[in-house]
Amino acid sequence: MKPARPLRILAALLPVLALPACNLAPRYVRPDAPVAPALPQGAAYPALAAQQGEAVDAIGWRNFFTDPRLQKVIEQALADNRNLRATLANVERARALYRVNRAALFPIVNGAAVLSAVQGTQGRVTDNFLVQAGSSAYEIDLWGRLRNQSEAAFQTWLATDEGRKSTQIALVAETASAWLSHAAISDGLRIARETLETRRATLALVQRREAMGIGTRLDVANATALLNQAEAAVADLTTSQAQARNALELIAGGPLADDLLPATLGTGDQLLAALPVGLSSDVLLRRPDVLAAEHSLRAANANIGVARAAFFPTLSLTGLFGYASPGLTRIFSQNAFQKTANTALRPRLFDGGATANNLKAAKAARDAAVATYERAIQVAFREVADALARRGTIDESLRAQASLEANAATARTLSEERFKVGVASYLEALDAQRTLYNAQQSLIAARLTRAANMVELYRALGGGLVETTGQDAPAR
């Protein structure tokens, strides 16, 4: 018995199905980085070594942030922050969509079981039984359309996952910055309260001098004004401290225990004092946001292959096999077995220019993705360069601020002594108090700037993804 014609057609197509599909997507070539090959050097920048030791992005955040309280707050933020949760959900969605596109590479097999009863003109009822399985309109991917669709979805998933990594890095840095800001505000509030008590004592002294006839009402008015300034500063900083806690708890995703909050910034020793920064700018290509932009570029490149494949005809295959019988007891007999196979070639004859314009749109999207990728590298270079510029001068600025605070404290002590013995006016002591208070607050700001700069440099170089140094980084 000769095989049916559809089966002969299917047998002829089997070698075609075994061949790999043509790939009409352009060959991907990574664009050259539109930045200098080396990170900036000069008077404003720290000296960088041509070779670096351990990469910054390999330093775990538990090793970079050395304060156990800060580590616990970061741990809570990574577990409960809602932005990170939303990003994780988007990654799962992108992975599911990739699997949906990948499923198009395989035939879909449907099954059916049908029982029908037909009544003839003589009143006789005829039963028909049908059990069937097969694939309907399975497209043979001759031109790589389906594979490029799957590749585009795969690259989109990878880009979304890199976005998740970038969100985690930003969250670690944001949490640390908010925690350090709370510490600096606490220092400022402590100094403001100490200043308030000092100015209350000064006002009492001035009032006694005025009552004894050796002071003036002007001195009392000036001392009162200075006291009022301190009262306002304490009130404002108290509000700022509460707001800083609110901001930190929002980042952490929930309330924080009091013992996790810092009482003082101190000298900023809650994190490493230095990072091993190398001279080459190639490190920027490992940043998750840059990798995300590159995966998006690869997806756009694959979409060009999808658009090009639309110019060629599609070849689809339909195959069915099953059993049909007028009696249920005979349905699975050899004589009841049926099989069919059909092929369809569908060329596109006219579409009003839709196919050509889809290709133009895909190429334009690829060009935009190239620009976005290059822009991501430029932004990364600028962020690292800015952080290094601040790092190169912050120690000198901090030294000057510390010296200013020490000299201002000496000047205040001497001015108050001169005022008490009557060889200087109260205005001299008043100016000295103002200068000292401003110097103390400026020193706190400088210490915060240094700590925040180290956090920013750690983030800009990709740090914050690994929990502990030596731990394997998540797959790129």
Protein backbone atom coordinates (compact mmCIF):
# COMPACT_ATOMS: atom_id res chain seq x y z
CA MET A 1 0.00 0.00 0.00
CA LYS A 2 1.48 3.38 -1.04
CA PRO A 3 1.66 6.15 1.54
CA ALA A 4 -0.83 8.96 1.18
CA ARG A 5 0.26 12.05 -0.76
CA PRO A 6 0.33 14.34 2.34
CA LEU A 7 2.64 11.88 4.06
CA ARG A 8 4.98 11.85 1.07
CA ILE A 9 5.08 15.65 1.24
CA LEU A 10 5.89 15.48 4.94
CA ALA A 11 8.67 12.98 4.27
CA ALA A 12 10.13 15.32 1.67
CA LEU A 13 10.08 18.21 4.16
CA LEU A 14 11.92 16.36 6.91
CA PRO A 15 15.39 17.26 5.56
CA VAL A 16 14.29 20.91 5.44
CA LEU A 17 13.17 20.76 9.05
CA ALA A 18 16.56 19.41 10.03
CA LEU A 19 18.42 22.36 8.50
CA PRO A 20 19.19 25.40 10.67
CA ALA A 21 17.13 28.47 9.87
CA CYS A 22 18.68 31.35 7.96
CA ASN A 23 19.47 34.30 10.19
CA LEU A 24 18.65 37.60 8.53
CA ALA A 25 19.62 39.72 11.55
CA PRO A 26 22.79 41.84 11.12
CA ARG A 27 25.90 40.43 12.76
CA TYR A 28 26.18 42.06 16.15
CA VAL A 29 29.28 44.15 16.78
CA ARG A 30 29.66 45.96 20.09
CA PRO A 31 30.02 49.72 19.46
CA ASP A 32 33.26 51.34 20.55
CA ALA A 33 33.04 53.10 23.90
CA PRO A 34 32.66 56.86 23.26
CA VAL A 35 34.88 57.79 26.23
CA ALA A 36 38.58 58.02 26.93
CA PRO A 37 40.32 54.67 27.47
CA ALA A 38 41.57 55.84 30.87
CA LEU A 39 39.81 57.48 33.79
CA PRO A 40 40.70 61.17 34.22
CA GLN A 41 43.93 62.29 35.84
CA GLY A 42 45.00 65.72 37.02
CA ALA A 43 45.23 68.06 39.98
CA ALA A 44 41.64 67.39 41.10
CA TYR A 45 41.93 63.61 40.90
CA PRO A 46 43.67 61.00 43.06
CA ALA A 47 46.58 59.10 41.55
CA LEU A 48 45.37 55.89 39.91
CA ALA A 49 47.46 52.80 39.27
CA ALA A 50 47.66 51.30 35.81
CA GLN A 51 46.95 47.91 37.39
CA GLN A 52 44.46 47.44 40.20
CA GLY A 53 44.05 44.63 42.65
CA GLU A 54 40.61 43.41 43.53
CA ALA A 55 37.87 44.94 41.40
CA VAL A 56 35.54 47.29 43.25
CA ASP A 57 32.43 45.45 42.09
CA ALA A 58 33.83 42.28 43.71
CA ILE A 59 33.95 43.92 47.16
CA GLY A 60 30.92 42.79 49.13
CA TRP A 61 28.74 45.46 50.67
CA ARG A 62 29.15 43.81 54.08
CA ASN A 63 32.89 44.33 53.71
CA PHE A 64 32.62 47.89 52.43
CA PHE A 65 30.11 49.02 55.09
CA THR A 66 31.74 47.99 58.35
CA ASP A 67 29.12 49.18 60.87
CA PRO A 68 26.90 46.23 61.94
CA ARG A 69 23.88 48.51 62.36
CA LEU A 70 24.20 49.81 58.81
CA GLN A 71 24.60 46.25 57.53
CA LYS A 72 21.31 45.26 59.19
CA VAL A 73 19.50 48.25 57.69
CA ILE A 74 20.81 47.40 54.20
CA GLU A 75 19.76 43.78 54.72
CA GLN A 76 16.23 44.90 55.61
CA ALA A 77 16.09 47.21 52.60
CA LEU A 78 17.09 44.41 50.23
CA ALA A 79 14.34 42.24 51.69
CA ASP A 80 11.51 44.76 51.99
CA ASN A 81 12.06 47.69 49.62
CA ARG A 82 9.02 47.92 47.33
CA ASN A 83 10.88 49.31 44.32
CA LEU A 84 13.20 46.30 44.36
CA ARG A 85 10.23 43.96 44.70
CA ALA A 86 8.59 45.54 41.67
CA THR A 87 11.82 45.19 39.71
CA LEU A 88 12.05 41.50 40.63
CA ALA A 89 8.48 41.01 39.42
CA ASN A 90 9.36 42.69 36.12
CA VAL A 91 12.28 40.29 35.70
CA GLU A 92 9.95 37.32 36.20
CA ARG A 93 7.54 38.81 33.67
CA ALA A 94 10.31 39.26 31.08
CA ARG A 95 11.48 35.67 31.63
CA ALA A 96 7.94 34.36 31.15
CA LEU A 97 7.53 36.37 27.93
CA TYR A 98 10.82 34.97 26.64
CA ARG A 99 9.55 31.44 27.24
CA VAL A 100 6.34 32.30 25.43
CA ASN A 101 8.34 33.40 22.37
CA ARG A 102 10.62 30.37 22.59
CA ALA A 103 7.57 28.07 22.59
CA ALA A 104 6.78 29.24 19.04
CA LEU A 105 9.79 27.22 17.85
CA PHE A 106 7.97 24.00 18.70
CA PRO A 107 4.71 22.65 17.30
CA ILE A 108 1.60 22.91 19.42
CA VAL A 109 -0.17 19.56 19.72
CA ASN A 110 -3.90 19.69 20.35
CA GLY A 111 -6.20 16.82 21.15
CA ALA A 112 -9.91 16.31 20.59
CA ALA A 113 -12.55 13.71 21.43
CA VAL A 114 -15.97 14.07 19.75
CA LEU A 115 -19.16 12.05 20.07
CA SER A 116 -21.99 12.90 17.68
CA ALA A 117 -25.40 11.40 17.01
CA VAL A 118 -27.10 11.98 13.63
CA GLN A 119 -30.77 11.11 13.02
CA GLY A 120 -31.57 10.12 9.45
CA THR A 121 -34.78 10.64 7.48
CA GLN A 122 -36.03 7.18 8.49
CA GLY A 123 -35.59 8.02 12.17
CA ARG A 124 -32.47 5.95 12.53
CA VAL A 125 -29.75 7.42 14.79
CA THR A 126 -26.12 7.01 13.74
CA ASP A 127 -23.35 7.44 16.29
CA ASN A 128 -19.91 8.74 15.29
CA PHE A 129 -16.81 8.69 17.52
CA LEU A 130 -13.63 10.68 16.87
CA VAL A 131 -10.35 10.81 18.86
CA GLN A 132 -7.70 13.03 17.29
CA ALA A 133 -4.34 14.73 18.00
CA GLY A 134 -2.16 16.90 15.82
CA SER A 135 -0.47 20.19 15.11
CA SER A 136 -2.22 23.05 13.36
CA ALA A 137 -0.29 25.53 11.19
CA TYR A 138 3.17 24.91 12.67
CA GLU A 139 5.47 27.44 11.00
CA ILE A 140 8.76 26.07 9.66
CA ASP A 141 11.28 28.76 10.56
CA LEU A 142 13.15 28.96 7.24
CA TRP A 143 14.22 32.59 7.59
CA GLY A 144 14.88 32.76 11.31
CA ARG A 145 11.88 34.94 12.14
CA LEU A 146 10.84 32.89 15.14
CA ARG A 147 14.39 32.42 16.36
CA ASN A 148 15.06 36.14 16.17
CA GLN A 149 11.82 36.84 18.01
CA SER A 150 12.98 34.44 20.69
CA GLU A 151 16.44 36.06 20.75
CA ALA A 152 14.92 39.53 21.12
CA ALA A 153 12.78 38.33 24.03
CA PHE A 154 15.81 36.63 25.58
CA GLN A 155 17.90 39.81 25.38
CA THR A 156 15.00 41.83 26.81
CA TRP A 157 14.88 39.44 29.74
CA LEU A 158 18.62 39.83 30.29
CA ALA A 159 18.30 43.62 30.08
CA THR A 160 15.54 43.53 32.68
CA ASP A 161 17.67 41.36 34.94
CA GLU A 162 20.59 43.78 34.61
CA GLY A 163 18.11 46.51 35.52
CA ARG A 164 17.33 44.54 38.66
CA LYS A 165 21.03 44.42 39.52
CA SER A 166 21.34 48.15 38.89
CA THR A 167 18.35 48.77 41.16
CA GLN A 168 19.97 46.70 43.93
CA ILE A 169 23.24 48.61 43.64
CA ALA A 170 21.40 51.92 43.77
CA LEU A 171 19.33 50.72 46.74
CA VAL A 172 22.42 49.73 48.75
CA ALA A 173 24.00 53.14 48.07
CA GLU A 174 20.77 55.02 48.77
CA THR A 175 20.27 53.19 52.07
CA ALA A 176 23.83 53.91 53.19
CA SER A 177 23.60 57.58 52.18
CA ALA A 178 20.33 58.03 54.07
CA TRP A 179 21.78 56.31 57.15
CA LEU A 180 24.90 58.50 57.07
CA SER A 181 22.77 61.63 56.59
CA HIS A 182 20.77 60.70 59.69
CA ALA A 183 24.06 60.34 61.57
CA ALA A 184 25.27 63.76 60.41
CA ILE A 185 21.97 65.41 61.39
CA SER A 186 22.27 63.80 64.82
CA ASP A 187 25.72 65.36 65.20
CA GLY A 188 24.38 68.73 64.10
CA LEU A 189 21.50 68.51 66.57
CA ARG A 190 23.85 67.61 69.41
CA ILE A 191 26.05 70.63 68.67
CA ALA A 192 22.98 72.87 68.36
CA ARG A 193 21.75 71.74 71.79
CA GLU A 194 25.17 72.29 73.34
CA THR A 195 25.28 75.74 71.74
CA LEU A 196 21.81 76.49 73.09
CA GLU A 197 22.91 75.72 76.67
CA THR A 198 26.04 77.84 76.23
CA ARG A 199 24.03 80.80 74.96
CA ARG A 200 21.58 80.52 77.82
CA ALA A 201 24.49 80.75 80.23
CA THR A 202 25.91 83.69 78.26
CA LEU A 203 22.57 85.54 78.37
CA ALA A 204 22.36 85.05 82.14
CA LEU A 205 25.88 86.49 82.47
CA VAL A 206 25.08 89.48 80.28
CA GLN A 207 21.89 90.17 82.22
CA ARG A 208 23.81 90.13 85.52
CA ARG A 209 26.39 92.52 84.09
CA GLU A 210 23.63 94.86 82.89
CA ALA A 211 22.00 94.75 86.35
CA MET A 212 25.36 95.63 87.93
CA GLY A 213 25.77 98.59 85.60
CA ILE A 214 28.79 97.23 83.74
CA GLY A 215 26.76 95.91 80.80
CA THR A 216 24.33 97.44 78.34
CA ARG A 217 20.85 96.68 77.09
CA LEU A 218 22.41 96.24 73.64
CA ASP A 219 24.49 93.36 74.98
CA VAL A 220 21.36 91.79 76.42
CA ALA A 221 19.50 92.20 73.13
CA ASN A 222 22.37 90.66 71.14
CA ALA A 223 22.69 87.74 73.57
CA THR A 224 18.94 87.15 73.38
CA ALA A 225 19.03 87.20 69.57
CA LEU A 226 21.85 84.68 69.59
CA LEU A 227 19.86 82.48 71.97
CA ASN A 228 16.82 82.70 69.68
CA GLN A 229 18.95 81.58 66.72
CA ALA A 230 20.10 78.53 68.68
CA GLU A 231 16.51 77.70 69.67
CA ALA A 232 15.43 77.89 66.02
CA ALA A 233 18.37 75.70 64.95
CA VAL A 234 17.47 73.04 67.53
CA ALA A 235 13.84 73.04 66.38
CA ASP A 236 14.78 72.80 62.69
CA LEU A 237 17.33 70.05 63.25
CA THR A 238 14.88 68.09 65.38
CA THR A 239 12.46 68.18 62.46
CA SER A 240 15.24 67.22 60.03
CA GLN A 241 16.20 64.25 62.19
CA ALA A 242 12.61 62.98 62.23
CA GLN A 243 12.33 63.44 58.47
CA ALA A 244 15.66 61.66 57.93
CA ARG A 245 14.33 58.69 59.88
CA ASN A 246 11.13 58.70 57.83
CA ALA A 247 13.15 58.70 54.61
CA LEU A 248 15.37 55.88 55.83
CA GLU A 249 12.38 53.74 56.88
CA LEU A 250 10.77 54.28 53.46
CA ILE A 251 13.93 53.01 51.79
CA ALA A 252 14.21 50.12 54.24
CA GLY A 253 10.60 49.14 53.56
CA GLY A 254 9.40 49.32 57.16
CA PRO A 255 10.03 50.64 60.68
CA LEU A 256 13.56 50.50 62.09
CA ALA A 257 14.50 49.75 65.67
CA ASP A 258 16.05 52.64 67.57
CA ASP A 259 19.26 50.72 68.12
CA LEU A 260 19.81 50.52 64.36
CA LEU A 261 19.93 54.31 64.01
CA PRO A 262 23.29 56.08 64.31
CA ALA A 263 23.85 58.56 67.13
CA THR A 264 26.86 60.16 65.48
CA LEU A 265 28.74 60.24 62.21
CA GLY A 266 32.04 60.66 64.01
CA THR A 267 34.94 60.61 61.58
CA GLY A 268 33.02 58.54 59.03
CA ASP A 269 34.67 55.23 59.86
CA GLN A 270 31.50 53.22 59.18
CA LEU A 271 32.89 52.27 55.75
CA LEU A 272 36.18 51.60 54.04
CA ALA A 273 38.48 54.60 53.71
CA ALA A 274 39.82 53.67 50.25
CA LEU A 275 38.89 51.67 47.15
CA PRO A 276 41.21 49.96 44.61
CA VAL A 277 40.41 52.06 41.54
CA GLY A 278 42.37 51.22 38.38
CA LEU A 279 43.25 53.52 35.51
CA SER A 280 41.34 51.78 32.70
CA SER A 281 37.79 52.85 31.89
CA ASP A 282 36.91 49.32 30.70
CA VAL A 283 35.53 48.70 34.19
CA LEU A 284 32.51 50.77 33.17
CA LEU A 285 31.45 48.11 30.67
CA ARG A 286 30.70 45.78 33.59
CA ARG A 287 28.16 48.12 35.18
CA PRO A 288 24.66 46.61 35.13
CA ASP A 289 23.07 49.70 33.56
CA VAL A 290 25.60 49.57 30.70
CA LEU A 291 25.04 45.83 30.27
CA ALA A 292 21.27 46.40 30.28
CA ALA A 293 21.66 48.95 27.47
CA GLU A 294 23.77 46.47 25.50
CA HIS A 295 21.21 43.69 25.88
CA SER A 296 18.52 46.11 24.65
CA LEU A 297 20.76 46.84 21.65
CA ARG A 298 21.08 43.12 20.94
CA ALA A 299 17.30 42.77 21.12
CA ALA A 300 16.88 45.63 18.63
CA ASN A 301 19.43 43.94 16.37
CA ALA A 302 17.44 40.69 16.44
CA ASN A 303 14.23 42.55 15.63
CA ILE A 304 15.79 43.63 12.34
CA GLY A 305 16.04 39.93 11.45
CA VAL A 306 12.36 39.54 12.31
CA ALA A 307 11.44 42.47 10.05
CA ARG A 308 13.58 41.17 7.16
CA ALA A 309 12.05 37.69 7.38
CA ALA A 310 8.62 39.22 6.74
CA PHE A 311 9.64 39.81 3.09
CA PHE A 312 9.81 36.05 2.47
CA PRO A 313 6.94 33.55 2.30
CA THR A 314 6.04 31.49 5.35
CA LEU A 315 5.82 27.72 5.21
CA SER A 316 3.44 26.04 7.64
CA LEU A 317 2.66 22.42 8.34
CA THR A 318 -0.56 20.84 9.59
CA GLY A 319 -0.61 17.22 10.70
CA LEU A 320 -3.39 15.18 12.26
CA PHE A 321 -3.72 11.58 13.36
CA GLY A 322 -6.40 9.76 15.26
CA TYR A 323 -9.25 7.30 15.17
CA ALA A 324 -12.80 7.60 13.81
CA SER A 325 -15.49 4.95 14.04
CA PRO A 326 -19.29 4.64 14.15
CA GLY A 327 -18.95 2.36 17.17
CA LEU A 328 -17.21 3.14 20.45
CA THR A 329 -15.96 -0.46 20.85
CA ARG A 330 -14.25 -0.36 17.44
CA ILE A 331 -12.74 3.14 17.64
CA PHE A 332 -9.16 2.05 18.37
CA SER A 333 -9.08 -0.72 15.76
CA GLN A 334 -6.50 -0.64 12.99
CA ASN A 335 -9.07 0.13 10.34
CA ALA A 336 -10.26 3.19 12.28
CA PHE A 337 -6.80 4.90 12.28
CA GLN A 338 -6.57 8.10 10.17
CA LYS A 339 -3.65 10.39 9.38
CA THR A 340 -3.28 13.58 7.31
CA ALA A 341 -0.50 16.08 6.59
CA ASN A 342 -0.74 19.40 4.76
CA THR A 343 1.69 22.15 3.91
CA ALA A 344 0.96 25.76 3.01
CA LEU A 345 3.27 28.32 1.41
CA ARG A 346 2.05 31.88 2.01
CA PRO A 347 3.92 34.62 0.17
CA ARG A 348 3.08 38.24 0.92
CA LEU A 349 2.01 39.84 -2.36
CA PHE A 350 0.95 43.33 -1.28
CA ASP A 351 0.71 45.07 2.10
CA GLY A 352 0.75 48.77 1.26
CA GLY A 353 4.38 49.18 2.33
CA ALA A 354 3.84 47.85 5.87
CA THR A 355 6.67 45.31 5.65
CA ALA A 356 9.18 47.81 4.29
CA ASN A 357 8.28 50.37 6.92
CA ASN A 358 8.46 47.78 9.69
CA LEU A 359 12.05 47.14 8.60
CA LYS A 360 12.79 50.88 8.63
CA ALA A 361 11.29 51.14 12.12
CA ALA A 362 13.39 48.20 13.33
CA LYS A 363 16.57 49.80 11.97
CA ALA A 364 15.68 53.13 13.57
CA ALA A 365 15.06 51.35 16.88
CA ARG A 366 18.49 49.72 16.57
CA ASP A 367 20.11 53.13 15.92
CA ALA A 368 18.34 54.55 18.98
CA ALA A 369 19.54 51.57 21.05
CA VAL A 370 23.13 52.25 19.91
CA ALA A 371 22.83 55.86 21.05
CA THR A 372 21.30 54.75 24.37
CA TYR A 373 24.14 52.28 24.93
CA GLU A 374 26.79 54.90 24.18
CA ARG A 375 24.99 57.39 26.41
CA ALA A 376 24.96 54.84 29.27
CA ILE A 377 28.75 54.53 28.98
CA GLN A 378 29.18 58.32 28.94
CA VAL A 379 26.98 58.72 32.02
CA ALA A 380 28.93 56.00 33.82
CA PHE A 381 32.23 57.70 32.91
CA ARG A 382 30.97 61.07 34.14
CA GLU A 383 29.70 59.58 37.45
CA VAL A 384 33.03 57.88 38.16
CA ALA A 385 34.98 60.97 37.09
CA ASP A 386 32.89 63.22 39.35
CA ALA A 387 33.31 60.87 42.29
CA LEU A 388 37.09 60.72 41.72
CA ALA A 389 37.29 64.52 41.42
CA ARG A 390 35.65 64.87 44.82
CA ARG A 391 37.78 62.06 46.24
CA GLY A 392 40.97 63.76 45.10
CA THR A 393 40.33 66.96 47.09
CA ILE A 394 38.06 65.97 49.98
CA ASP A 395 40.88 65.10 52.38
CA GLU A 396 42.42 68.55 51.97
CA SER A 397 39.03 70.17 52.42
CA LEU A 398 38.38 68.07 55.53
CA ARG A 399 41.78 68.99 56.98
CA ALA A 400 41.05 72.70 56.42
CA GLN A 401 37.60 72.41 58.02
CA ALA A 402 39.03 70.61 61.07
CA SER A 403 41.68 73.31 61.46
CA LEU A 404 39.01 76.01 61.09
CA GLU A 405 36.88 74.41 63.81
CA ALA A 406 39.85 74.13 66.20
CA ASN A 407 40.92 77.74 65.66
CA ALA A 408 37.34 78.98 65.97
CA ALA A 409 37.04 77.19 69.31
CA THR A 410 40.24 78.84 70.54
CA ALA A 411 39.04 82.23 69.33
CA ARG A 412 35.73 81.84 71.15
CA THR A 413 37.46 80.91 74.41
CA LEU A 414 39.83 83.87 74.21
CA SER A 415 37.06 86.30 73.23
CA GLU A 416 34.86 85.23 76.14
CA GLU A 417 37.76 85.62 78.58
CA ARG A 418 38.56 89.09 77.23
CA PHE A 419 34.89 90.03 77.56
CA LYS A 420 34.68 88.80 81.15
CA VAL A 421 37.69 90.90 82.24
CA GLY A 422 36.36 93.91 80.38
CA VAL A 423 39.07 94.33 77.74
CA ALA A 424 36.76 93.44 74.79
CA SER A 425 33.17 94.20 73.85
CA TYR A 426 30.46 91.62 73.79
CA LEU A 427 30.26 91.94 69.99
CA GLU A 428 33.69 90.31 69.74
CA ALA A 429 32.56 87.33 71.83
CA LEU A 430 29.29 87.17 69.91
CA ASP A 431 31.10 86.98 66.54
CA ALA A 432 33.40 84.29 67.91
CA GLN A 433 30.43 82.18 69.00
CA ARG A 434 28.80 82.48 65.60
CA THR A 435 32.04 81.55 63.84
CA LEU A 436 32.53 78.49 66.01
CA TYR A 437 28.98 77.23 65.49
CA ASN A 438 29.26 77.62 61.72
CA ALA A 439 32.68 75.93 61.72
CA GLN A 440 31.33 72.97 63.71
CA GLN A 441 28.42 72.49 61.30
CA SER A 442 30.75 72.85 58.29
CA LEU A 443 33.05 70.17 59.70
CA ILE A 444 30.09 67.79 60.03
CA ALA A 445 29.11 68.57 56.44
CA ALA A 446 32.65 67.89 55.24
CA ARG A 447 32.74 64.53 57.01
CA LEU A 448 29.39 63.62 55.50
CA THR A 449 30.62 64.69 52.06
CA ARG A 450 33.64 62.42 52.39
CA ALA A 451 31.56 59.43 53.49
CA ALA A 452 28.92 60.05 50.82
CA ASN A 453 31.65 60.39 48.19
CA MET A 454 33.02 56.96 49.07
CA VAL A 455 29.51 55.50 48.81
CA GLU A 456 29.03 57.16 45.41
CA LEU A 457 32.40 55.93 44.13
CA TYR A 458 31.54 52.41 45.31
CA ARG A 459 28.18 52.60 43.50
CA ALA A 460 29.56 54.20 40.33
CA LEU A 461 32.10 51.39 39.98
CA GLY A 462 29.40 48.73 40.33
CA GLY A 463 29.78 47.89 44.01
CA GLY A 464 26.81 46.67 46.03
CA LEU A 465 25.74 43.59 44.08
CA VAL A 466 27.85 41.07 45.98
CA GLU A 467 27.10 40.60 49.67
CA THR A 468 30.49 39.34 50.85
CA THR A 469 33.93 39.68 49.28
CA GLY A 470 35.00 36.41 47.68
CA GLN A 471 31.40 35.38 47.04
CA ASP A 472 30.58 34.46 43.46
CA ALA A 473 28.84 37.34 41.77
CA PRO A 474 25.41 36.63 40.24
CA ALA A 475 25.61 35.55 36.63
CA ARG A 476 25.89 38.37 34.17
